[in-house]
């Protein structure tokens, strides 16, 4: 499990995937989100500009990111 410490109110989902090194580029992040590979709080979410906040859990390719 990856714990990501949030600075500020939120982080866009695509930036979170890049910041945790689960994808290499923003373009790759947009593709995996649009193809339904990312779960947000237990459900597949296709929103590229999703605002991830403290307490949220993002799952991608067997990795869980907990935002603290």
N, C-alpha and C. Protein backbone atom coordinates (compact mmCIF):
# COMPACT_ATOMS: atom_id res chain seq x y z
N UNK A 1 0.84 -1.18 0.00
CA UNK A 1 0.00 0.00 0.00
C UNK A 1 0.89 1.25 0.00
N UNK A 2 0.48 2.22 -0.78
CA UNK A 2 1.19 3.49 -0.87
C UNK A 2 0.41 4.52 -0.07
N UNK A 3 1.09 5.23 0.81
CA UNK A 3 0.46 6.32 1.54
C UNK A 3 0.94 7.62 0.92
N UNK A 4 -0.02 8.42 0.45
CA UNK A 4 0.31 9.69 -0.19
C UNK A 4 -0.15 10.82 0.70
N UNK A 5 0.79 11.64 1.14
CA UNK A 5 0.44 12.76 2.02
C UNK A 5 0.05 13.96 1.16
N UNK A 6 -1.19 14.35 1.30
CA UNK A 6 -1.76 15.43 0.51
C UNK A 6 -1.40 16.78 1.10
N UNK A 7 -0.93 17.67 0.24
CA UNK A 7 -0.70 19.06 0.64
C UNK A 7 -1.75 19.88 -0.09
N UNK A 8 -2.64 20.50 0.66
CA UNK A 8 -3.73 21.24 0.04
C UNK A 8 -5.03 20.47 0.17
N UNK A 9 -6.05 20.94 -0.55
CA UNK A 9 -7.39 20.36 -0.43
C UNK A 9 -7.57 19.07 -1.24
N UNK A 10 -6.92 19.00 -2.42
CA UNK A 10 -7.11 17.84 -3.30
C UNK A 10 -5.95 17.75 -4.28
N UNK A 11 -5.91 16.60 -4.99
CA UNK A 11 -4.97 16.41 -6.10
C UNK A 11 -5.76 15.74 -7.23
N UNK A 12 -5.62 16.21 -8.46
CA UNK A 12 -6.30 15.54 -9.58
C UNK A 12 -5.80 14.09 -9.70
N UNK A 13 -6.70 13.19 -10.04
CA UNK A 13 -6.38 11.76 -10.14
C UNK A 13 -5.16 11.50 -11.01
N UNK A 14 -5.09 12.15 -12.16
CA UNK A 14 -3.97 11.93 -13.08
C UNK A 14 -2.65 12.33 -12.44
N UNK A 15 -2.65 13.44 -11.72
CA UNK A 15 -1.41 13.87 -11.04
C UNK A 15 -1.03 12.91 -9.93
N UNK A 16 -2.03 12.34 -9.25
CA UNK A 16 -1.76 11.37 -8.18
C UNK A 16 -1.06 10.13 -8.75
N UNK A 17 -1.54 9.64 -9.88
CA UNK A 17 -0.92 8.46 -10.51
C UNK A 17 0.53 8.75 -10.90
N UNK A 18 0.78 9.97 -11.38
CA UNK A 18 2.16 10.34 -11.73
C UNK A 18 3.01 10.52 -10.48
N UNK A 19 2.47 11.18 -9.47
CA UNK A 19 3.24 11.47 -8.25
C UNK A 19 3.65 10.21 -7.50
N UNK A 20 2.88 9.15 -7.64
CA UNK A 20 3.19 7.88 -6.97
C UNK A 20 3.98 6.93 -7.88
N UNK A 21 4.37 7.43 -9.04
CA UNK A 21 5.18 6.68 -10.02
C UNK A 21 4.51 5.41 -10.53
N UNK A 22 3.18 5.41 -10.57
CA UNK A 22 2.47 4.25 -11.12
C UNK A 22 2.33 4.36 -12.63
N UNK A 23 2.48 5.56 -13.16
CA UNK A 23 2.52 5.79 -14.61
C UNK A 23 3.69 6.73 -14.87
N UNK A 24 4.16 6.75 -16.11
CA UNK A 24 5.31 7.58 -16.45
C UNK A 24 4.92 9.00 -16.88
N UNK A 25 3.76 9.11 -17.58
CA UNK A 25 3.37 10.41 -18.13
C UNK A 25 1.90 10.71 -17.86
N UNK A 26 1.55 11.97 -18.03
CA UNK A 26 0.15 12.36 -17.90
C UNK A 26 -0.71 11.70 -18.97
N UNK A 27 -0.14 11.54 -20.15
CA UNK A 27 -0.87 10.88 -21.24
C UNK A 27 -1.21 9.44 -20.90
N UNK A 28 -0.24 8.74 -20.32
CA UNK A 28 -0.48 7.35 -19.91
C UNK A 28 -1.56 7.31 -18.83
N UNK A 29 -1.51 8.26 -17.90
CA UNK A 29 -2.51 8.32 -16.83
C UNK A 29 -3.90 8.53 -17.40
N UNK A 30 -4.03 9.41 -18.39
CA UNK A 30 -5.34 9.65 -19.00
C UNK A 30 -5.87 8.39 -19.68
N UNK A 31 -4.99 7.66 -20.33
CA UNK A 31 -5.41 6.43 -21.02
C UNK A 31 -5.91 5.38 -20.02
N UNK A 32 -5.15 5.13 -18.95
CA UNK A 32 -5.57 4.08 -18.01
C UNK A 32 -6.87 4.46 -17.29
N UNK A 33 -7.07 5.75 -17.05
CA UNK A 33 -8.33 6.18 -16.43
C UNK A 33 -9.48 6.00 -17.42
N UNK A 34 -9.30 6.43 -18.66
CA UNK A 34 -10.38 6.33 -19.65
C UNK A 34 -10.71 4.88 -20.01
N UNK A 35 -9.75 3.96 -19.81
CA UNK A 35 -10.00 2.55 -20.10
C UNK A 35 -10.55 1.79 -18.89
N UNK A 36 -10.81 2.51 -17.79
CA UNK A 36 -11.43 1.89 -16.63
C UNK A 36 -10.50 1.05 -15.78
N UNK A 37 -9.20 1.34 -15.80
CA UNK A 37 -8.24 0.56 -15.03
C UNK A 37 -8.07 1.07 -13.60
N UNK A 38 -8.70 2.19 -13.26
CA UNK A 38 -8.50 2.81 -11.95
C UNK A 38 -9.79 2.75 -11.14
N UNK A 39 -9.66 2.33 -9.88
CA UNK A 39 -10.80 2.33 -8.97
C UNK A 39 -10.64 3.47 -7.97
N UNK A 40 -11.73 4.16 -7.71
CA UNK A 40 -11.76 5.26 -6.75
C UNK A 40 -12.76 4.89 -5.67
N UNK A 41 -12.27 4.72 -4.45
CA UNK A 41 -13.12 4.30 -3.32
C UNK A 41 -13.93 3.05 -3.66
N UNK A 42 -13.28 2.08 -4.31
CA UNK A 42 -13.90 0.78 -4.57
C UNK A 42 -14.66 0.64 -5.87
N UNK A 43 -14.82 1.74 -6.62
CA UNK A 43 -15.57 1.67 -7.87
C UNK A 43 -14.75 2.23 -9.02
N UNK A 44 -14.91 1.62 -10.21
CA UNK A 44 -14.21 2.12 -11.40
C UNK A 44 -14.69 3.54 -11.67
N UNK A 45 -13.75 4.42 -11.94
CA UNK A 45 -14.09 5.82 -12.22
C UNK A 45 -13.36 6.27 -13.47
N UNK A 46 -14.10 6.91 -14.38
CA UNK A 46 -13.54 7.32 -15.67
C UNK A 46 -13.22 8.81 -15.72
N UNK A 47 -13.39 9.53 -14.62
CA UNK A 47 -13.18 10.98 -14.61
C UNK A 47 -11.70 11.31 -14.51
N UNK A 48 -11.18 11.95 -15.53
CA UNK A 48 -9.76 12.29 -15.56
C UNK A 48 -9.43 13.43 -14.60
N UNK A 49 -10.36 14.32 -14.38
CA UNK A 49 -10.11 15.49 -13.53
C UNK A 49 -10.68 15.29 -12.12
N UNK A 50 -10.89 14.06 -11.75
CA UNK A 50 -11.42 13.73 -10.43
C UNK A 50 -10.53 14.32 -9.34
N UNK A 51 -11.15 14.98 -8.37
CA UNK A 51 -10.41 15.58 -7.26
C UNK A 51 -10.31 14.57 -6.12
N UNK A 52 -9.12 14.06 -5.90
CA UNK A 52 -8.88 13.08 -4.84
C UNK A 52 -8.55 13.84 -3.56
N UNK A 53 -9.24 13.48 -2.47
CA UNK A 53 -9.09 14.19 -1.20
C UNK A 53 -8.62 13.25 -0.11
N UNK A 54 -8.29 13.81 1.05
CA UNK A 54 -7.85 13.00 2.19
C UNK A 54 -8.91 11.96 2.54
N UNK A 55 -8.46 10.75 2.82
CA UNK A 55 -9.36 9.66 3.17
C UNK A 55 -9.77 8.80 2.00
N UNK A 56 -9.49 9.26 0.78
CA UNK A 56 -9.85 8.49 -0.42
C UNK A 56 -8.84 7.37 -0.66
N UNK A 57 -9.32 6.32 -1.33
CA UNK A 57 -8.45 5.20 -1.70
C UNK A 57 -8.55 4.99 -3.21
N UNK A 58 -7.39 4.96 -3.85
CA UNK A 58 -7.31 4.74 -5.30
C UNK A 58 -6.59 3.42 -5.52
N UNK A 59 -7.15 2.57 -6.40
CA UNK A 59 -6.53 1.28 -6.72
C UNK A 59 -6.18 1.24 -8.20
N UNK A 60 -4.97 0.74 -8.48
CA UNK A 60 -4.51 0.66 -9.87
C UNK A 60 -3.48 -0.46 -9.98
N UNK A 61 -3.75 -1.42 -10.85
CA UNK A 61 -2.84 -2.55 -11.12
C UNK A 61 -2.29 -3.19 -9.85
N UNK A 62 -3.17 -3.51 -8.93
CA UNK A 62 -2.79 -4.20 -7.71
C UNK A 62 -2.21 -3.32 -6.63
N UNK A 63 -2.06 -2.04 -6.89
CA UNK A 63 -1.54 -1.11 -5.89
C UNK A 63 -2.69 -0.29 -5.31
N UNK A 64 -2.63 -0.08 -3.99
CA UNK A 64 -3.62 0.76 -3.32
C UNK A 64 -2.94 2.01 -2.83
N UNK A 65 -3.51 3.16 -3.16
CA UNK A 65 -2.98 4.43 -2.70
C UNK A 65 -3.97 4.98 -1.69
N UNK A 66 -3.52 5.20 -0.46
CA UNK A 66 -4.34 5.83 0.56
C UNK A 66 -3.88 7.27 0.69
N UNK A 67 -4.82 8.19 0.54
CA UNK A 67 -4.49 9.61 0.64
C UNK A 67 -4.69 10.06 2.09
N UNK A 68 -3.60 10.59 2.65
CA UNK A 68 -3.65 11.02 4.07
C UNK A 68 -3.34 12.51 4.18
